[in-house]
Amino acid sequence: MDASSLSSITSAFASKAYAGMDKDAVAKKAHAVASDFESVYIADAFKAMFKDVSVDPLNGKSDNSNETWRDMLIDQYAKDFVKKGGIGIADGIAAQLIKIQEGHAG
């Protein structure tokens, strides 16, 4: 999920796209979106940490295929990290998305 995706999701909440859903469903959707955003944020941080680490520990070499698999592994690490509590930004983002849906943005 990139910045444009988050913007489109925010727009969807602002346009009342989820207005027909009950409060619990909106809260669940908002938290899922916020968790996805947090996992992307964390994955970017992890990728920065691993950028100078050799992909293949046996021969010290790296190629594009190894880097692709590593990126996928880091993305999964980030998702798992968020499931276990993350760094705490998902709750704040979800709360703001709910406020946007209710028309109380700001």
N, C-alpha and C. Protein backbone atom coordinates (compact mmCIF):
# COMPACT_ATOMS: atom_id res chain seq x y z
N MET A 1 0.86 -1.16 0.00
CA MET A 1 0.00 0.00 0.00
C MET A 1 0.90 1.23 0.00
N ASP A 2 0.72 2.08 -0.97
CA ASP A 2 1.52 3.29 -1.05
C ASP A 2 0.67 4.50 -0.66
N ALA A 3 1.27 5.68 -0.76
CA ALA A 3 0.57 6.90 -0.35
C ALA A 3 -0.71 7.13 -1.15
N SER A 4 -0.70 6.81 -2.43
CA SER A 4 -1.91 7.00 -3.23
C SER A 4 -3.02 6.04 -2.79
N SER A 5 -2.64 4.84 -2.38
CA SER A 5 -3.63 3.89 -1.89
C SER A 5 -4.25 4.38 -0.60
N LEU A 6 -3.42 4.90 0.30
CA LEU A 6 -3.95 5.43 1.55
C LEU A 6 -4.85 6.63 1.28
N SER A 7 -4.46 7.45 0.32
CA SER A 7 -5.29 8.60 -0.05
C SER A 7 -6.64 8.16 -0.58
N SER A 8 -6.65 7.13 -1.41
CA SER A 8 -7.92 6.65 -1.96
C SER A 8 -8.79 6.02 -0.87
N ILE A 9 -8.17 5.36 0.09
CA ILE A 9 -8.92 4.78 1.20
C ILE A 9 -9.51 5.89 2.07
N THR A 10 -8.69 6.91 2.34
CA THR A 10 -9.18 8.05 3.11
C THR A 10 -10.35 8.71 2.39
N SER A 11 -10.24 8.84 1.08
CA SER A 11 -11.33 9.41 0.29
C SER A 11 -12.58 8.55 0.38
N ALA A 12 -12.40 7.23 0.36
CA ALA A 12 -13.55 6.33 0.48
C ALA A 12 -14.25 6.51 1.82
N PHE A 13 -13.47 6.65 2.89
CA PHE A 13 -14.08 6.88 4.20
C PHE A 13 -14.76 8.25 4.23
N ALA A 14 -14.13 9.26 3.64
CA ALA A 14 -14.69 10.61 3.63
C ALA A 14 -15.95 10.69 2.78
N SER A 15 -16.03 9.90 1.72
CA SER A 15 -17.19 9.96 0.83
C SER A 15 -18.35 9.11 1.35
N LYS A 16 -18.19 8.59 2.53
CA LYS A 16 -19.23 7.77 3.16
C LYS A 16 -19.45 6.46 2.40
N ALA A 17 -18.40 5.95 1.76
CA ALA A 17 -18.51 4.69 1.03
C ALA A 17 -18.89 3.54 1.97
N TYR A 18 -18.60 3.71 3.25
CA TYR A 18 -18.90 2.66 4.22
C TYR A 18 -20.10 3.04 5.09
N ALA A 19 -20.88 4.01 4.64
CA ALA A 19 -22.00 4.52 5.43
C ALA A 19 -23.06 3.45 5.70
N GLY A 20 -23.23 2.50 4.82
CA GLY A 20 -24.24 1.46 5.01
C GLY A 20 -23.84 0.39 6.00
N MET A 21 -22.60 0.40 6.42
CA MET A 21 -22.11 -0.63 7.35
C MET A 21 -22.39 -0.21 8.79
N ASP A 22 -22.56 -1.20 9.66
CA ASP A 22 -22.73 -0.85 11.07
C ASP A 22 -21.39 -0.40 11.66
N LYS A 23 -21.45 0.19 12.84
CA LYS A 23 -20.24 0.78 13.45
C LYS A 23 -19.13 -0.24 13.65
N ASP A 24 -19.49 -1.45 14.06
CA ASP A 24 -18.47 -2.47 14.28
C ASP A 24 -17.78 -2.86 12.98
N ALA A 25 -18.55 -2.95 11.89
CA ALA A 25 -17.96 -3.30 10.60
C ALA A 25 -17.05 -2.19 10.10
N VAL A 26 -17.46 -0.94 10.30
CA VAL A 26 -16.62 0.19 9.89
C VAL A 26 -15.33 0.19 10.71
N ALA A 27 -15.45 -0.04 12.01
CA ALA A 27 -14.26 -0.07 12.87
C ALA A 27 -13.32 -1.20 12.45
N LYS A 28 -13.89 -2.35 12.12
CA LYS A 28 -13.07 -3.49 11.69
C LYS A 28 -12.35 -3.18 10.37
N LYS A 29 -13.08 -2.58 9.42
CA LYS A 29 -12.48 -2.21 8.13
C LYS A 29 -11.39 -1.16 8.33
N ALA A 30 -11.66 -0.16 9.16
CA ALA A 30 -10.68 0.90 9.43
C ALA A 30 -9.43 0.31 10.05
N HIS A 31 -9.58 -0.62 10.99
CA HIS A 31 -8.42 -1.21 11.64
C HIS A 31 -7.63 -2.08 10.66
N ALA A 32 -8.33 -2.79 9.78
CA ALA A 32 -7.64 -3.61 8.78
C ALA A 32 -6.82 -2.73 7.83
N VAL A 33 -7.40 -1.63 7.39
CA VAL A 33 -6.70 -0.70 6.49
C VAL A 33 -5.50 -0.09 7.21
N ALA A 34 -5.70 0.32 8.46
CA ALA A 34 -4.62 0.93 9.23
C ALA A 34 -3.49 -0.07 9.49
N SER A 35 -3.84 -1.32 9.75
CA SER A 35 -2.82 -2.36 9.95
C SER A 35 -2.03 -2.61 8.68
N ASP A 36 -2.72 -2.61 7.54
CA ASP A 36 -2.02 -2.76 6.25
C ASP A 36 -1.03 -1.62 6.04
N PHE A 37 -1.48 -0.40 6.35
CA PHE A 37 -0.60 0.76 6.20
C PHE A 37 0.62 0.63 7.12
N GLU A 38 0.39 0.24 8.37
CA GLU A 38 1.51 0.09 9.31
C GLU A 38 2.48 -0.99 8.83
N SER A 39 1.97 -2.08 8.27
CA SER A 39 2.88 -3.14 7.81
C SER A 39 3.72 -2.67 6.63
N VAL A 40 3.16 -1.84 5.75
CA VAL A 40 3.95 -1.28 4.65
C VAL A 40 5.02 -0.35 5.19
N TYR A 41 4.66 0.46 6.15
CA TYR A 41 5.61 1.39 6.78
C TYR A 41 6.77 0.61 7.43
N ILE A 42 6.42 -0.43 8.17
CA ILE A 42 7.44 -1.24 8.84
C ILE A 42 8.30 -1.99 7.83
N ALA A 43 7.66 -2.53 6.78
CA ALA A 43 8.43 -3.24 5.74
C ALA A 43 9.45 -2.32 5.10
N ASP A 44 9.07 -1.07 4.84
CA ASP A 44 10.03 -0.11 4.27
C ASP A 44 11.21 0.10 5.22
N ALA A 45 10.93 0.18 6.50
CA ALA A 45 12.00 0.35 7.49
C ALA A 45 12.90 -0.89 7.52
N PHE A 46 12.29 -2.08 7.51
CA PHE A 46 13.06 -3.32 7.50
C PHE A 46 13.92 -3.42 6.25
N LYS A 47 13.36 -3.06 5.09
CA LYS A 47 14.12 -3.14 3.84
C LYS A 47 15.33 -2.21 3.87
N ALA A 48 15.17 -1.06 4.48
CA ALA A 48 16.30 -0.14 4.62
C ALA A 48 17.38 -0.76 5.51
N MET A 49 16.96 -1.47 6.55
CA MET A 49 17.93 -2.10 7.44
C MET A 49 18.69 -3.24 6.75
N PHE A 50 18.00 -3.94 5.86
CA PHE A 50 18.60 -5.10 5.20
C PHE A 50 19.30 -4.78 3.89
N LYS A 51 19.27 -3.53 3.44
CA LYS A 51 19.77 -3.23 2.09
C LYS A 51 21.24 -3.57 1.89
N ASP A 52 22.07 -3.49 2.91
CA ASP A 52 23.49 -3.80 2.76
C ASP A 52 23.86 -5.19 3.27
N VAL A 53 22.86 -5.97 3.62
CA VAL A 53 23.11 -7.32 4.10
C VAL A 53 23.11 -8.27 2.90
N SER A 54 24.13 -9.11 2.83
CA SER A 54 24.23 -10.06 1.73
C SER A 54 23.02 -10.99 1.75
N VAL A 55 22.45 -11.24 0.58
CA VAL A 55 21.26 -12.09 0.48
C VAL A 55 21.60 -13.55 0.69
N ASP A 56 22.68 -14.01 0.11
CA ASP A 56 23.07 -15.41 0.21
C ASP A 56 24.23 -15.53 1.19
N PRO A 57 23.98 -16.03 2.39
CA PRO A 57 25.04 -16.10 3.39
C PRO A 57 26.12 -17.13 3.04
N LEU A 58 25.83 -18.07 2.13
CA LEU A 58 26.81 -19.10 1.80
C LEU A 58 27.91 -18.59 0.87
N ASN A 59 27.54 -17.77 -0.11
CA ASN A 59 28.57 -17.31 -1.03
C ASN A 59 28.74 -15.79 -1.01
N GLY A 60 27.94 -15.10 -0.25
CA GLY A 60 28.09 -13.65 -0.13
C GLY A 60 27.64 -12.86 -1.34
N LYS A 61 27.01 -13.54 -2.29
CA LYS A 61 26.56 -12.88 -3.51
C LYS A 61 25.06 -12.66 -3.48
N SER A 62 24.62 -11.77 -4.33
CA SER A 62 23.21 -11.47 -4.43
C SER A 62 22.83 -11.32 -5.90
N ASP A 63 21.64 -11.74 -6.24
CA ASP A 63 21.12 -11.47 -7.57
C ASP A 63 19.66 -11.04 -7.44
N ASN A 64 19.05 -10.68 -8.53
CA ASN A 64 17.69 -10.15 -8.49
C ASN A 64 16.68 -11.12 -7.91
N SER A 65 16.82 -12.41 -8.20
CA SER A 65 15.84 -13.37 -7.70
C SER A 65 15.91 -13.47 -6.18
N ASN A 66 17.11 -13.47 -5.64
CA ASN A 66 17.24 -13.52 -4.18
C ASN A 66 16.65 -12.28 -3.54
N GLU A 67 16.88 -11.13 -4.15
CA GLU A 67 16.36 -9.89 -3.59
C GLU A 67 14.84 -9.86 -3.63
N THR A 68 14.24 -10.43 -4.68
CA THR A 68 12.78 -10.50 -4.76
C THR A 68 12.23 -11.34 -3.63
N TRP A 69 12.82 -12.50 -3.42
CA TRP A 69 12.35 -13.36 -2.34
C TRP A 69 12.57 -12.70 -0.99
N ARG A 70 13.69 -12.00 -0.83
CA ARG A 70 13.95 -11.32 0.44
C ARG A 70 12.89 -10.25 0.69
N ASP A 71 12.55 -9.49 -0.34
CA ASP A 71 11.52 -8.46 -0.18
C ASP A 71 10.18 -9.07 0.24
N MET A 72 9.85 -10.21 -0.35
CA MET A 72 8.61 -10.88 0.03
C MET A 72 8.67 -11.37 1.47
N LEU A 73 9.82 -11.88 1.88
CA LEU A 73 9.99 -12.34 3.25
C LEU A 73 9.90 -11.18 4.23
N ILE A 74 10.52 -10.06 3.89
CA ILE A 74 10.47 -8.88 4.76
C ILE A 74 9.04 -8.36 4.85
N ASP A 75 8.29 -8.39 3.76
CA ASP A 75 6.88 -7.97 3.80
C ASP A 75 6.09 -8.86 4.78
N GLN A 76 6.37 -10.15 4.75
CA GLN A 76 5.68 -11.05 5.67
C GLN A 76 6.12 -10.83 7.10
N TYR A 77 7.41 -10.58 7.31
CA TYR A 77 7.88 -10.24 8.66
C TYR A 77 7.13 -9.02 9.19
N ALA A 78 6.96 -8.02 8.35
CA ALA A 78 6.27 -6.80 8.77
C ALA A 78 4.81 -7.08 9.13
N LYS A 79 4.13 -7.90 8.33
CA LYS A 79 2.73 -8.25 8.64
C LYS A 79 2.64 -8.98 9.97
N ASP A 80 3.55 -9.92 10.19
CA ASP A 80 3.57 -10.66 11.45
C ASP A 80 3.88 -9.73 12.62
N PHE A 81 4.78 -8.79 12.41
CA PHE A 81 5.15 -7.83 13.44
C PHE A 81 3.92 -7.00 13.84
N VAL A 82 3.15 -6.57 12.85
CA VAL A 82 1.94 -5.77 13.13
C VAL A 82 0.90 -6.61 13.86
N LYS A 83 0.75 -7.88 13.49
CA LYS A 83 -0.21 -8.76 14.17
C LYS A 83 0.12 -8.90 15.66
N LYS A 84 1.41 -8.76 15.98
CA LYS A 84 1.84 -8.90 17.37
C LYS A 84 1.91 -7.57 18.10
N GLY A 85 1.36 -6.52 17.50
CA GLY A 85 1.33 -5.22 18.17
C GLY A 85 1.99 -4.10 17.41
N GLY A 86 2.91 -4.43 16.53
CA GLY A 86 3.56 -3.42 15.71
C GLY A 86 4.22 -2.31 16.50
N ILE A 87 4.22 -1.12 15.93
CA ILE A 87 4.82 0.03 16.60
C ILE A 87 3.77 0.99 17.13
N GLY A 88 2.50 0.63 16.92
CA GLY A 88 1.42 1.39 17.55
C GLY A 88 0.76 2.47 16.72
N ILE A 89 1.01 2.54 15.43
CA ILE A 89 0.38 3.61 14.67
C ILE A 89 -0.97 3.19 14.07
N ALA A 90 -1.24 1.91 13.98
CA ALA A 90 -2.49 1.44 13.36
C ALA A 90 -3.71 1.92 14.13
N ASP A 91 -3.66 1.89 15.45
CA ASP A 91 -4.83 2.31 16.24
C ASP A 91 -5.16 3.78 16.00
N GLY A 92 -4.14 4.62 15.94
CA GLY A 92 -4.36 6.04 15.70
C GLY A 92 -4.91 6.31 14.32
N ILE A 93 -4.39 5.60 13.32
CA ILE A 93 -4.88 5.76 11.95
C ILE A 93 -6.32 5.28 11.86
N ALA A 94 -6.62 4.13 12.47
CA ALA A 94 -7.99 3.61 12.45
C ALA A 94 -8.96 4.59 13.11
N ALA A 95 -8.55 5.17 14.22
CA ALA A 95 -9.41 6.15 14.90
C ALA A 95 -9.70 7.36 14.00
N GLN A 96 -8.68 7.81 13.29
CA GLN A 96 -8.88 8.94 12.38
C GLN A 96 -9.78 8.57 11.21
N LEU A 97 -9.63 7.37 10.68
CA LEU A 97 -10.50 6.93 9.59
C LEU A 97 -11.96 6.85 10.04
N ILE A 98 -12.17 6.40 11.26
CA ILE A 98 -13.53 6.34 11.80
C ILE A 98 -14.09 7.74 11.97
N LYS A 99 -13.28 8.67 12.46
CA LYS A 99 -13.72 10.06 12.58
C LYS A 99 -14.08 10.65 11.22
N ILE A 100 -13.28 10.33 10.21
CA ILE A 100 -13.57 10.80 8.86
C ILE A 100 -14.91 10.26 8.40
N GLN A 101 -15.15 8.97 8.64
CA GLN A 101 -16.42 8.35 8.24
C GLN A 101 -17.60 9.01 8.97
N GLU A 102 -17.40 9.36 10.21
CA GLU A 102 -18.49 9.97 10.99
C GLU A 102 -18.65 11.45 10.69
N GLY A 103 -17.71 12.00 9.91
CA GLY A 103 -17.80 13.42 9.55
C GLY A 103 -17.17 14.34 10.57
N HIS A 104 -16.30 13.79 11.41
CA HIS A 104 -15.64 14.59 12.45
C HIS A 104 -14.15 14.73 12.20
N ALA A 105 -13.75 14.81 10.95
CA ALA A 105 -12.31 14.89 10.63
C ALA A 105 -11.70 16.15 11.21
N GLY A 106 -10.44 15.99 11.59
CA GLY A 106 -9.71 17.16 12.06
C GLY A 106 -8.85 16.91 13.22
